[in-house]
Amino acid sequence: MNYLSGKKVLVTGGAGFLGSIVVRELRKKRCRSIFIVRSRDYDLRRMQDVRRLLRDARPQIVVHLAASVGGIGANRQNPGRFFYDNLMMGVQLMEVSRLSGVEKFVAIGTICAYPKFTPVPFKEQDLWIGYPEETNAPYGLAKKMLLVQAQTYRKQYGFNAIYLLPVNLYGPGDNFSETSSHVIPALIKKCCDAIRRGETSITVWGTGKPTREFLYVDDAARGIVLATEKYNDTRPMNLGSGKEISIRELAGLIATLTGFRGKILWDTSQPDGQPRRRLDISFARKAIGFSAKVGFEEGLKKTIAWYRREVMPRNAAEGGNR
């Protein structure tokens, strides 16, 4: 019998992009019950709501996925909100979970917690060698405090909290908002919209030189559930694909896969963000047997198909040239 069989699990953000897939993976493990937290019912920034949540759900395991997050533009516009919301949600939830007798807490961090000039590939032990990239720092530092909390709570209280560091995620169900999406959905939207409108160019922020690593959402969910089931230690754990691509190459690849044949223009007045991102994923492979299964082009094709099937018709119905 696996560890999760028969357990009561609470998942914050369980109705979201990553959360819905995590819930699906947990169901495969035959959990006794899965309590999906919705922001309309519980505001995790408010201590009274967090206490009420733990009384209502009475979980044995908490998987904390909920976050206030966005791309570079959203981070520049909302640094205070992203810092406060993410810090308060995580810190209060872990504290009340400890006081409520939760047996395991799974905290989901962010690659934005790594220092701006971390040697590539990023190793877990390098998390503290410098300050994060400035545009993402408030969000990254708020999430990073959950690692400190998990480690100190284990030391003082014997509380079993683990901390996972997934790389940038993508896939069907991602956020395609013009104001808060990350780079892959933003590029897919730009290319598909340009084709629909008959436009001959798209404009992308920055120089295109930075590199990023991406993990398909189904792989990320599988890694999180594997760690929930098998991992119980203080060391943070990277979850990624181990493969790196420049933003310029990414834009060209998405243009090809969507069928956009126009020009890609680069707005170099806008920031690039962190220069490079690629994780060392050897620890996750050794500790829990995790590795990515979905190839990058395969994942992009699935994401593009989902966007065209689910989002474009809705946007057209709501207002045409959005």
C-alpha atoms as a PDB file:
ATOM      1  CA  MET A   1       0.000   0.000   0.000  1.00  0.00           C
ATOM      2  CA  ASN A   2       1.361   3.463  -0.877  1.00  0.00           C
ATOM      3  CA  TYR A   3       1.699   6.227   1.707  1.00  0.00           C
ATOM      4  CA  LEU A   4      -1.142   8.304   0.242  1.00  0.00           C
ATOM      5  CA  SER A   5      -3.730   5.521   0.185  1.00  0.00           C
ATOM      6  CA  GLY A   6      -6.528   6.332   2.625  1.00  0.00           C
ATOM      7  CA  LYS A   7      -5.150   9.777   3.527  1.00  0.00           C
ATOM      8  CA  LYS A   8      -7.116  13.008   3.818  1.00  0.00           C
ATOM      9  CA  VAL A   9      -5.338  15.609   1.677  1.00  0.00           C
ATOM     10  CA  LEU A  10      -5.911  19.354   1.457  1.00  0.00           C
ATOM     11  CA  VAL A  11      -4.765  21.081  -1.755  1.00  0.00           C
ATOM     12  CA  THR A  12      -4.630  24.870  -1.928  1.00  0.00           C
ATOM     13  CA  GLY A  13      -4.941  26.088  -5.495  1.00  0.00           C
ATOM     14  CA  GLY A  14      -6.437  22.694  -6.302  1.00  0.00           C
ATOM     15  CA  ALA A  15      -8.815  24.093  -8.913  1.00  0.00           C
ATOM     16  CA  GLY A  16      -6.039  25.923 -10.792  1.00  0.00           C
ATOM     17  CA  PHE A  17      -3.690  25.177 -13.680  1.00  0.00           C
ATOM     18  CA  LEU A  18      -1.239  22.964 -11.776  1.00  0.00           C
ATOM     19  CA  GLY A  19      -3.578  22.111  -8.908  1.00  0.00           C
ATOM     20  CA  SER A  20      -6.213  20.391 -11.017  1.00  0.00           C
ATOM     21  CA  ILE A  21      -3.575  18.002 -12.408  1.00  0.00           C
ATOM     22  CA  VAL A  22      -2.114  17.391  -8.933  1.00  0.00           C
ATOM     23  CA  VAL A  23      -5.606  16.486  -7.710  1.00  0.00           C
ATOM     24  CA  ARG A  24      -5.992  14.067 -10.618  1.00  0.00           C
ATOM     25  CA  GLU A  25      -2.674  12.415  -9.722  1.00  0.00           C
ATOM     26  CA  LEU A  26      -3.650  12.201  -6.047  1.00  0.00           C
ATOM     27  CA  ARG A  27      -6.888  10.448  -6.972  1.00  0.00           C
ATOM     28  CA  LYS A  28      -4.844   7.746  -8.668  1.00  0.00           C
ATOM     29  CA  LYS A  29      -3.200   7.119  -5.288  1.00  0.00           C
ATOM     30  CA  ARG A  30      -6.592   6.340  -3.703  1.00  0.00           C
ATOM     31  CA  CYS A  31      -6.577   9.070  -1.092  1.00  0.00           C
ATOM     32  CA  ARG A  32      -9.494   8.858   1.320  1.00  0.00           C
ATOM     33  CA  SER A  33     -10.548  12.410   0.469  1.00  0.00           C
ATOM     34  CA  ILE A  34      -9.153  15.484  -1.286  1.00  0.00           C
ATOM     35  CA  PHE A  35     -10.246  18.904  -0.043  1.00  0.00           C
ATOM     36  CA  ILE A  36      -9.841  21.527  -2.798  1.00  0.00           C
ATOM     37  CA  VAL A  37      -9.423  25.036  -1.411  1.00  0.00           C
ATOM     38  CA  ARG A  38     -11.065  27.849  -3.358  1.00  0.00           C
ATOM     39  CA  SER A  39     -10.217  31.508  -2.736  1.00  0.00           C
ATOM     40  CA  ARG A  40     -13.888  32.501  -2.734  1.00  0.00           C
ATOM     41  CA  ASP A  41     -14.405  30.281   0.317  1.00  0.00           C
ATOM     42  CA  TYR A  42     -11.142  30.848   2.213  1.00  0.00           C
ATOM     43  CA  ASP A  43      -8.838  33.871   2.020  1.00  0.00           C
ATOM     44  CA  LEU A  44      -5.513  32.342   3.036  1.00  0.00           C
ATOM     45  CA  ARG A  45      -4.104  35.792   3.810  1.00  0.00           C
ATOM     46  CA  ARG A  46      -6.494  35.965   6.785  1.00  0.00           C
ATOM     47  CA  MET A  47      -5.556  33.909   9.839  1.00  0.00           C
ATOM     48  CA  GLN A  48      -9.175  33.340  10.808  1.00  0.00           C
ATOM     49  CA  ASP A  49      -9.881  31.828   7.390  1.00  0.00           C
ATOM     50  CA  VAL A  50      -6.833  29.564   7.629  1.00  0.00           C
ATOM     51  CA  ARG A  51      -7.954  28.309  11.039  1.00  0.00           C
ATOM     52  CA  ARG A  52     -11.476  27.723   9.732  1.00  0.00           C
ATOM     53  CA  LEU A  53     -10.081  25.850   6.740  1.00  0.00           C
ATOM     54  CA  LEU A  54      -8.091  23.435   8.887  1.00  0.00           C
ATOM     55  CA  ARG A  55     -11.116  22.870  11.140  1.00  0.00           C
ATOM     56  CA  ASP A  56     -13.324  22.173   8.125  1.00  0.00           C
ATOM     57  CA  ALA A  57     -10.920  19.919   6.225  1.00  0.00           C
ATOM     58  CA  ARG A  58      -9.069  18.154   9.075  1.00  0.00           C
ATOM     59  CA  PRO A  59      -6.360  16.962   6.679  1.00  0.00           C
ATOM     60  CA  GLN A  60      -3.476  14.625   7.337  1.00  0.00           C
ATOM     61  CA  ILE A  61      -1.487  16.099   4.439  1.00  0.00           C
ATOM     62  CA  VAL A  62      -1.421  19.678   3.096  1.00  0.00           C
ATOM     63  CA  VAL A  63      -0.149  20.450  -0.411  1.00  0.00           C
ATOM     64  CA  HIS A  64       0.244  24.218  -0.747  1.00  0.00           C
ATOM     65  CA  LEU A  65       0.087  25.235  -4.417  1.00  0.00           C
ATOM     66  CA  ALA A  66      -1.837  28.520  -4.176  1.00  0.00           C
ATOM     67  CA  ALA A  67       0.108  31.633  -5.187  1.00  0.00           C
ATOM     68  CA  SER A  68      -0.244  35.181  -6.454  1.00  0.00           C
ATOM     69  CA  VAL A  69       1.957  35.107  -9.535  1.00  0.00           C
ATOM     70  CA  GLY A  70       2.504  36.510 -13.022  1.00  0.00           C
ATOM     71  CA  GLY A  71       5.113  37.283 -15.662  1.00  0.00           C
ATOM     72  CA  ILE A  72       7.728  40.049 -15.642  1.00  0.00           C
ATOM     73  CA  GLY A  73       5.174  42.807 -16.249  1.00  0.00           C
ATOM     74  CA  ALA A  74       2.880  41.661 -13.442  1.00  0.00           C
ATOM     75  CA  ASN A  75       5.848  41.339 -11.063  1.00  0.00           C
ATOM     76  CA  ARG A  76       6.968  44.892 -11.856  1.00  0.00           C
ATOM     77  CA  GLN A  77       3.478  46.275 -11.251  1.00  0.00           C
ATOM     78  CA  ASN A  78       2.655  44.300  -8.098  1.00  0.00           C
ATOM     79  CA  PRO A  79       5.852  43.666  -6.079  1.00  0.00           C
ATOM     80  CA  GLY A  80       4.262  44.542  -2.742  1.00  0.00           C
ATOM     81  CA  ARG A  81       1.122  42.493  -3.329  1.00  0.00           C
ATOM     82  CA  PHE A  82       3.047  39.477  -4.590  1.00  0.00           C
ATOM     83  CA  PHE A  83       5.351  39.621  -1.555  1.00  0.00           C
ATOM     84  CA  TYR A  84       2.584  40.046   1.015  1.00  0.00           C
ATOM     85  CA  ASP A  85       0.064  37.606  -0.449  1.00  0.00           C
ATOM     86  CA  ASN A  86       2.535  34.767  -0.937  1.00  0.00           C
ATOM     87  CA  LEU A  87       4.279  35.253   2.396  1.00  0.00           C
ATOM     88  CA  MET A  88       1.101  35.444   4.456  1.00  0.00           C
ATOM     89  CA  MET A  89      -0.626  32.527   2.712  1.00  0.00           C
ATOM     90  CA  GLY A  90       2.297  30.179   3.181  1.00  0.00           C
ATOM     91  CA  VAL A  91       3.516  31.145   6.633  1.00  0.00           C
ATOM     92  CA  GLN A  92       0.069  31.110   8.212  1.00  0.00           C
ATOM     93  CA  LEU A  93      -0.981  27.884   6.544  1.00  0.00           C
ATOM     94  CA  MET A  94       2.130  26.028   7.691  1.00  0.00           C
ATOM     95  CA  GLU A  95       1.819  27.343  11.254  1.00  0.00           C
ATOM     96  CA  VAL A  96      -1.851  26.389  11.588  1.00  0.00           C
ATOM     97  CA  SER A  97      -1.134  23.024   9.959  1.00  0.00           C
ATOM     98  CA  ARG A  98       1.512  22.356  12.611  1.00  0.00           C
ATOM     99  CA  LEU A  99      -0.830  23.370  15.421  1.00  0.00           C
ATOM    100  CA  SER A 100      -3.612  21.226  13.928  1.00  0.00           C
ATOM    101  CA  GLY A 101      -1.553  18.041  13.903  1.00  0.00           C
ATOM    102  CA  VAL A 102      -1.050  17.764  10.133  1.00  0.00           C
ATOM    103  CA  GLU A 103       1.426  14.932   9.527  1.00  0.00           C
ATOM    104  CA  LYS A 104       2.998  16.286   6.313  1.00  0.00           C
ATOM    105  CA  PHE A 105       3.170  19.690   4.628  1.00  0.00           C
ATOM    106  CA  VAL A 106       4.299  20.080   1.010  1.00  0.00           C
ATOM    107  CA  ALA A 107       5.413  23.631   0.179  1.00  0.00           C
ATOM    108  CA  ILE A 108       5.786  24.577  -3.484  1.00  0.00           C
ATOM    109  CA  GLY A 109       8.507  27.145  -4.030  1.00  0.00           C
ATOM    110  CA  THR A 110       9.650  28.833  -7.234  1.00  0.00           C
ATOM    111  CA  ILE A 111      12.706  28.987  -9.433  1.00  0.00           C
ATOM    112  CA  CYS A 112      12.499  32.775  -8.881  1.00  0.00           C
ATOM    113  CA  ALA A 113      13.957  32.111  -5.414  1.00  0.00           C
ATOM    114  CA  TYR A 114      17.370  31.371  -6.942  1.00  0.00           C
ATOM    115  CA  PRO A 115      19.979  34.173  -7.061  1.00  0.00           C
ATOM    116  CA  LYS A 116      20.192  36.179 -10.263  1.00  0.00           C
ATOM    117  CA  PHE A 117      23.633  34.841 -11.180  1.00  0.00           C
ATOM    118  CA  THR A 118      23.365  31.268  -9.936  1.00  0.00           C
ATOM    119  CA  PRO A 119      25.884  28.978 -11.679  1.00  0.00           C
ATOM    120  CA  VAL A 120      24.166  26.817 -14.310  1.00  0.00           C
ATOM    121  CA  PRO A 121      22.775  24.253 -13.726  1.00  0.00           C
ATOM    122  CA  PHE A 122      21.108  25.528 -10.538  1.00  0.00           C
ATOM    123  CA  LYS A 123      21.898  23.245  -7.591  1.00  0.00           C
ATOM    124  CA  GLU A 124      19.705  23.263  -4.474  1.00  0.00           C
ATOM    125  CA  GLN A 125      22.684  24.195  -2.266  1.00  0.00           C
ATOM    126  CA  ASP A 126      23.157  27.434  -4.258  1.00  0.00           C
ATOM    127  CA  LEU A 127      19.848  28.999  -3.159  1.00  0.00           C
ATOM    128  CA  TRP A 128      21.572  31.342  -0.703  1.00  0.00           C
ATOM    129  CA  ILE A 129      24.616  32.565  -2.655  1.00  0.00           C
ATOM    130  CA  GLY A 130      23.047  35.850  -3.790  1.00  0.00           C
ATOM    131  CA  TYR A 131      19.947  37.994  -4.292  1.00  0.00           C
ATOM    132  CA  PRO A 132      17.212  36.957  -6.774  1.00  0.00           C
ATOM    133  CA  GLU A 133      16.676  38.724 -10.097  1.00  0.00           C
ATOM    134  CA  GLU A 134      15.162  42.098  -9.225  1.00  0.00           C
ATOM    135  CA  THR A 135      11.847  41.922 -11.094  1.00  0.00           C
ATOM    136  CA  ASN A 136      10.977  38.578  -9.457  1.00  0.00           C
ATOM    137  CA  ALA A 137      12.680  39.088  -6.087  1.00  0.00           C
ATOM    138  CA  PRO A 138       9.659  39.996  -3.905  1.00  0.00           C
ATOM    139  CA  TYR A 139       7.738  36.932  -5.086  1.00  0.00           C
ATOM    140  CA  GLY A 140      10.795  34.688  -4.982  1.00  0.00           C
ATOM    141  CA  LEU A 141      11.819  35.773  -1.477  1.00  0.00           C
ATOM    142  CA  ALA A 142       8.293  35.365  -0.098  1.00  0.00           C
ATOM    143  CA  LYS A 143       8.242  31.792  -1.388  1.00  0.00           C
ATOM    144  CA  LYS A 144      11.807  31.205  -0.160  1.00  0.00           C
ATOM    145  CA  MET A 145      10.739  31.936   3.403  1.00  0.00           C
ATOM    146  CA  LEU A 146       8.654  28.756   3.306  1.00  0.00           C
ATOM    147  CA  LEU A 147      11.910  26.812   2.996  1.00  0.00           C
ATOM    148  CA  VAL A 148      13.246  28.525   6.120  1.00  0.00           C
ATOM    149  CA  GLN A 149       9.979  27.832   7.908  1.00  0.00           C
ATOM    150  CA  ALA A 150       9.940  24.181   6.836  1.00  0.00           C
ATOM    151  CA  GLN A 151      13.514  23.610   7.974  1.00  0.00           C
ATOM    152  CA  THR A 152      13.162  25.392  11.312  1.00  0.00           C
ATOM    153  CA  TYR A 153       9.827  23.745  12.080  1.00  0.00           C
ATOM    154  CA  ARG A 154      11.344  20.333  11.426  1.00  0.00           C
ATOM    155  CA  LYS A 155      14.264  21.153  13.733  1.00  0.00           C
ATOM    156  CA  GLN A 156      12.236  22.617  16.605  1.00  0.00           C
ATOM    157  CA  TYR A 157       8.913  20.791  16.370  1.00  0.00           C
ATOM    158  CA  GLY A 158       9.671  17.660  14.344  1.00  0.00           C
ATOM    159  CA  PHE A 159       7.151  18.882  11.767  1.00  0.00           C
ATOM    160  CA  ASN A 160       7.420  17.008   8.458  1.00  0.00           C
ATOM    161  CA  ALA A 161       7.479  19.819   5.890  1.00  0.00           C
ATOM    162  CA  ILE A 162       9.185  19.513   2.496  1.00  0.00           C
ATOM    163  CA  TYR A 163      10.000  22.194  -0.067  1.00  0.00           C
ATOM    164  CA  LEU A 164       9.909  21.683  -3.836  1.00  0.00           C
ATOM    165  CA  LEU A 165      11.276  23.990  -6.559  1.00  0.00           C
ATOM    166  CA  PRO A 166       9.500  23.457  -9.880  1.00  0.00           C
ATOM    167  CA  VAL A 167      10.860  25.230 -12.939  1.00  0.00           C
ATOM    168  CA  ASN A 168       8.609  27.338 -15.230  1.00  0.00           C
ATOM    169  CA  LEU A 169       5.490  25.330 -16.083  1.00  0.00           C
ATOM    170  CA  TYR A 170       3.396  25.264 -19.244  1.00  0.00           C
ATOM    171  CA  GLY A 171       0.587  23.219 -20.763  1.00  0.00           C
ATOM    172  CA  PRO A 172      -3.154  23.120 -21.459  1.00  0.00           C
ATOM    173  CA  GLY A 173      -5.091  25.232 -18.981  1.00  0.00           C
ATOM    174  CA  ASP A 174      -2.307  27.788 -18.551  1.00  0.00           C
ATOM    175  CA  ASN A 175      -2.995  31.484 -17.988  1.00  0.00           C
ATOM    176  CA  PHE A 176      -3.260  33.310 -21.334  1.00  0.00           C
ATOM    177  CA  SER A 177      -4.078  36.747 -19.900  1.00  0.00           C
ATOM    178  CA  GLU A 178      -2.431  39.669 -21.712  1.00  0.00           C
ATOM    179  CA  THR A 179      -1.465  41.254 -18.391  1.00  0.00           C
ATOM    180  CA  SER A 180      -0.254  38.339 -16.253  1.00  0.00           C
ATOM    181  CA  SER A 181       0.722  35.373 -18.457  1.00  0.00           C
ATOM    182  CA  HIS A 182       4.187  33.843 -18.554  1.00  0.00           C
ATOM    183  CA  VAL A 183       6.322  33.621 -21.660  1.00  0.00           C
ATOM    184  CA  ILE A 184       4.991  30.470 -23.365  1.00  0.00           C
ATOM    185  CA  PRO A 185       1.274  31.321 -23.208  1.00  0.00           C
ATOM    186  CA  ALA A 186       2.099  34.953 -24.063  1.00  0.00           C
ATOM    187  CA  LEU A 187       3.978  33.895 -27.211  1.00  0.00           C
ATOM    188  CA  ILE A 188       1.294  31.398 -28.242  1.00  0.00           C
ATOM    189  CA  LYS A 189      -1.362  34.073 -27.862  1.00  0.00           C
ATOM    190  CA  LYS A 190       0.669  36.653 -29.803  1.00  0.00           C
ATOM    191  CA  CYS A 191       1.296  34.285 -32.719  1.00  0.00           C
ATOM    192  CA  CYS A 192      -2.240  32.912 -32.923  1.00  0.00           C
ATOM    193  CA  ASP A 193      -3.796  36.361 -32.615  1.00  0.00           C
ATOM    194  CA  ALA A 194      -1.467  37.769 -35.286  1.00  0.00           C
ATOM    195  CA  ILE A 195      -2.471  34.981 -37.691  1.00  0.00           C
ATOM    196  CA  ARG A 196      -6.160  35.594 -37.024  1.00  0.00           C
ATOM    197  CA  ARG A 197      -5.809  39.346 -37.551  1.00  0.00           C
ATOM    198  CA  GLY A 198      -3.558  39.067 -40.605  1.00  0.00           C
ATOM    199  CA  GLU A 199      -0.700  40.919 -38.869  1.00  0.00           C
ATOM    200  CA  THR A 200       2.825  40.615 -40.251  1.00  0.00           C
ATOM    201  CA  SER A 201       4.804  40.983 -37.013  1.00  0.00           C
ATOM    202  CA  ILE A 202       4.711  40.438 -33.275  1.00  0.00           C
ATOM    203  CA  THR A 203       6.704  42.259 -30.590  1.00  0.00           C
ATOM    204  CA  VAL A 204       8.385  40.390 -27.741  1.00  0.00           C
ATOM    205  CA  TRP A 205       9.935  41.923 -24.625  1.00  0.00           C
ATOM    206  CA  GLY A 206      13.701  42.019 -24.129  1.00  0.00           C
ATOM    207  CA  THR A 207      16.600  40.905 -26.297  1.00  0.00           C
ATOM    208  CA  GLY A 208      15.706  37.228 -26.630  1.00  0.00           C
ATOM    209  CA  LYS A 209      19.106  36.237 -25.203  1.00  0.00           C
ATOM    210  CA  PRO A 210      18.066  34.872 -21.769  1.00  0.00           C
ATOM    211  CA  THR A 211      17.477  31.147 -21.449  1.00  0.00           C
ATOM    212  CA  ARG A 212      14.711  29.297 -19.646  1.00  0.00           C
ATOM    213  CA  GLU A 213      13.837  25.746 -18.721  1.00  0.00           C
ATOM    214  CA  PHE A 214      10.257  24.499 -18.911  1.00  0.00           C
ATOM    215  CA  LEU A 215       8.346  21.574 -17.455  1.00  0.00           C
ATOM    216  CA  TYR A 216       5.047  20.280 -18.798  1.00  0.00           C
ATOM    217  CA  VAL A 217       2.333  20.637 -16.175  1.00  0.00           C
ATOM    218  CA  ASP A 218       1.502  16.910 -16.083  1.00  0.00           C
ATOM    219  CA  ASP A 219       5.146  16.092 -15.356  1.00  0.00           C
ATOM    220  CA  ALA A 220       5.246  18.719 -12.596  1.00  0.00           C
ATOM    221  CA  ALA A 221       2.112  17.308 -10.965  1.00  0.00           C
ATOM    222  CA  ARG A 222       3.529  13.795 -11.095  1.00  0.00           C
ATOM    223  CA  GLY A 223       6.758  15.017  -9.465  1.00  0.00           C
ATOM    224  CA  ILE A 224       4.883  16.803  -6.689  1.00  0.00           C
ATOM    225  CA  VAL A 225       2.804  13.731  -5.889  1.00  0.00           C
ATOM    226  CA  LEU A 226       5.899  11.488  -5.983  1.00  0.00           C
ATOM    227  CA  ALA A 227       7.621  13.780  -3.477  1.00  0.00           C
ATOM    228  CA  THR A 228       4.499  13.905  -1.307  1.00  0.00           C
ATOM    229  CA  GLU A 229       4.517  10.133  -1.250  1.00  0.00           C
ATOM    230  CA  LYS A 230       8.237   9.426  -0.906  1.00  0.00           C
ATOM    231  CA  TYR A 231      10.279  12.425   0.271  1.00  0.00           C
ATOM    232  CA  ASN A 232      10.739  13.458   3.908  1.00  0.00           C
ATOM    233  CA  ASP A 233      13.803  15.641   4.437  1.00  0.00           C
ATOM    234  CA  THR A 234      15.045  19.201   4.911  1.00  0.00           C
ATOM    235  CA  ARG A 235      16.855  19.664   1.591  1.00  0.00           C
ATOM    236  CA  PRO A 236      14.881  21.547  -1.079  1.00  0.00           C
ATOM    237  CA  MET A 237      14.260  19.608  -4.265  1.00  0.00           C
ATOM    238  CA  ASN A 238      14.377  20.843  -7.869  1.00  0.00           C
ATOM    239  CA  LEU A 239      11.741  19.595 -10.309  1.00  0.00           C
ATOM    240  CA  GLY A 240      12.530  20.248 -13.957  1.00  0.00           C
ATOM    241  CA  SER A 241      13.320  18.852 -17.371  1.00  0.00           C
ATOM    242  CA  GLY A 242      17.022  19.699 -17.311  1.00  0.00           C
ATOM    243  CA  LYS A 243      16.797  21.313 -20.776  1.00  0.00           C
ATOM    244  CA  GLU A 244      17.451  24.964 -21.613  1.00  0.00           C
ATOM    245  CA  ILE A 245      16.261  27.141 -24.516  1.00  0.00           C
ATOM    246  CA  SER A 246      16.794  30.830 -25.288  1.00  0.00           C
ATOM    247  CA  ILE A 247      13.750  33.101 -25.510  1.00  0.00           C
ATOM    248  CA  ARG A 248      14.740  33.905 -29.106  1.00  0.00           C
ATOM    249  CA  GLU A 249      14.764  30.192 -30.016  1.00  0.00           C
ATOM    250  CA  LEU A 250      11.520  29.679 -28.109  1.00  0.00           C
ATOM    251  CA  ALA A 251       9.776  32.475 -30.007  1.00  0.00           C
ATOM    252  CA  GLY A 252      10.927  31.005 -33.316  1.00  0.00           C
ATOM    253  CA  LEU A 253       9.785  27.524 -32.346  1.00  0.00           C
ATOM    254  CA  ILE A 254       6.326  28.704 -31.257  1.00  0.00           C
ATOM    255  CA  ALA A 255       5.997  30.758 -34.458  1.00  0.00           C
ATOM    256  CA  THR A 256       6.773  27.631 -36.478  1.00  0.00           C
ATOM    257  CA  LEU A 257       4.396  25.400 -34.518  1.00  0.00           C
ATOM    258  CA  THR A 258       1.527  27.910 -34.740  1.00  0.00           C
ATOM    259  CA  GLY A 259       2.153  28.637 -38.431  1.00  0.00           C
ATOM    260  CA  PHE A 260       3.014  32.322 -37.899  1.00  0.00           C
ATOM    261  CA  ARG A 261       5.348  33.429 -40.719  1.00  0.00           C
ATOM    262  CA  GLY A 262       5.735  37.103 -39.890  1.00  0.00           C
ATOM    263  CA  LYS A 263       8.598  38.972 -38.244  1.00  0.00           C
ATOM    264  CA  ILE A 264       9.485  38.770 -34.552  1.00  0.00           C
ATOM    265  CA  LEU A 265      10.487  42.202 -33.253  1.00  0.00           C
ATOM    266  CA  TRP A 266      12.346  42.656 -29.960  1.00  0.00           C
ATOM    267  CA  ASP A 267      11.528  45.511 -27.590  1.00  0.00           C
ATOM    268  CA  THR A 268      14.923  45.930 -25.957  1.00  0.00           C
ATOM    269  CA  SER A 269      13.626  48.744 -23.728  1.00  0.00           C
ATOM    270  CA  GLN A 270      11.883  46.043 -21.670  1.00  0.00           C
ATOM    271  CA  PRO A 271      13.737  43.840 -19.146  1.00  0.00           C
ATOM    272  CA  ASP A 272      15.088  40.384 -19.899  1.00  0.00           C
ATOM    273  CA  GLY A 273      14.740  38.998 -16.384  1.00  0.00           C
ATOM    274  CA  GLN A 274      17.201  36.403 -15.111  1.00  0.00           C
ATOM    275  CA  PRO A 275      20.021  35.743 -17.629  1.00  0.00           C
ATOM    276  CA  ARG A 276      19.860  31.930 -17.538  1.00  0.00           C
ATOM    277  CA  ARG A 277      17.750  29.216 -15.943  1.00  0.00           C
ATOM    278  CA  ARG A 278      18.425  25.513 -15.936  1.00  0.00           C
ATOM    279  CA  LEU A 279      18.093  23.201 -12.975  1.00  0.00           C
ATOM    280  CA  ASP A 280      20.283  20.375 -11.770  1.00  0.00           C
ATOM    281  CA  ILE A 281      17.637  17.659 -11.480  1.00  0.00           C
ATOM    282  CA  SER A 282      19.889  14.819 -10.316  1.00  0.00           C
ATOM    283  CA  PHE A 283      18.669  14.933  -6.713  1.00  0.00           C
ATOM    284  CA  ALA A 284      14.996  14.398  -7.639  1.00  0.00           C
ATOM    285  CA  ARG A 285      15.980  11.528  -9.938  1.00  0.00           C
ATOM    286  CA  LYS A 286      17.973   9.862  -7.158  1.00  0.00           C
ATOM    287  CA  ALA A 287      15.619  10.572  -4.235  1.00  0.00           C
ATOM    288  CA  ILE A 288      12.189   9.897  -5.762  1.00  0.00           C
ATOM    289  CA  GLY A 289      12.891   8.534  -9.246  1.00  0.00           C
ATOM    290  CA  PHE A 290      11.500  11.595 -11.024  1.00  0.00           C
ATOM    291  CA  SER A 291      12.268  12.624 -14.590  1.00  0.00           C
ATOM    292  CA  ALA A 292      10.229  14.484 -17.193  1.00  0.00           C
ATOM    293  CA  LYS A 293       8.357  12.334 -19.725  1.00  0.00           C
ATOM    294  CA  VAL A 294       6.711  14.831 -22.091  1.00  0.00           C
ATOM    295  CA  GLY A 295       9.006  16.185 -24.821  1.00  0.00           C
ATOM    296  CA  PHE A 296       9.106  19.956 -25.245  1.00  0.00           C
ATOM    297  CA  GLU A 297       7.716  20.153 -28.793  1.00  0.00           C
ATOM    298  CA  GLU A 298       5.046  17.598 -27.930  1.00  0.00           C
ATOM    299  CA  GLY A 299       4.003  19.678 -24.919  1.00  0.00           C
ATOM    300  CA  LEU A 300       3.953  22.892 -26.962  1.00  0.00           C
ATOM    301  CA  LYS A 301       1.775  21.300 -29.641  1.00  0.00           C
ATOM    302  CA  LYS A 302      -0.712  20.144 -26.994  1.00  0.00           C
ATOM    303  CA  THR A 303      -0.761  23.610 -25.428  1.00  0.00           C
ATOM    304  CA  ILE A 304      -1.283  25.370 -28.766  1.00  0.00           C
ATOM    305  CA  ALA A 305      -4.083  22.965 -29.701  1.00  0.00           C
ATOM    306  CA  TRP A 306      -5.792  23.552 -26.348  1.00  0.00           C
ATOM    307  CA  TYR A 307      -5.531  27.332 -26.717  1.00  0.00           C
ATOM    308  CA  ARG A 308      -7.048  27.246 -30.202  1.00  0.00           C
ATOM    309  CA  ARG A 309      -9.809  24.878 -29.122  1.00  0.00           C
ATOM    310  CA  GLU A 310     -10.733  26.338 -25.731  1.00  0.00           C
ATOM    311  CA  VAL A 311      -9.608  29.975 -25.507  1.00  0.00           C
ATOM    312  CA  MET A 312      -9.732  31.493 -29.012  1.00  0.00           C
ATOM    313  CA  PRO A 313     -13.431  30.717 -29.621  1.00  0.00           C
ATOM    314  CA  ARG A 314     -14.318  32.186 -26.238  1.00  0.00           C
ATOM    315  CA  ASN A 315     -12.322  35.360 -26.886  1.00  0.00           C
ATOM    316  CA  ALA A 316     -13.950  35.735 -30.308  1.00  0.00           C
ATOM    317  CA  ALA A 317     -17.406  35.332 -28.787  1.00  0.00           C
ATOM    318  CA  GLU A 318     -16.647  37.895 -26.069  1.00  0.00           C
ATOM    319  CA  GLY A 319     -15.266  40.633 -28.253  1.00  0.00           C
ATOM    320  CA  GLY A 320     -13.493  39.689 -31.422  1.00  0.00           C
ATOM    321  CA  ASN A 321     -10.004  41.201 -31.623  1.00  0.00           C
ATOM    322  CA  ARG A 322      -8.847  40.775 -28.085  1.00  0.00           C
END
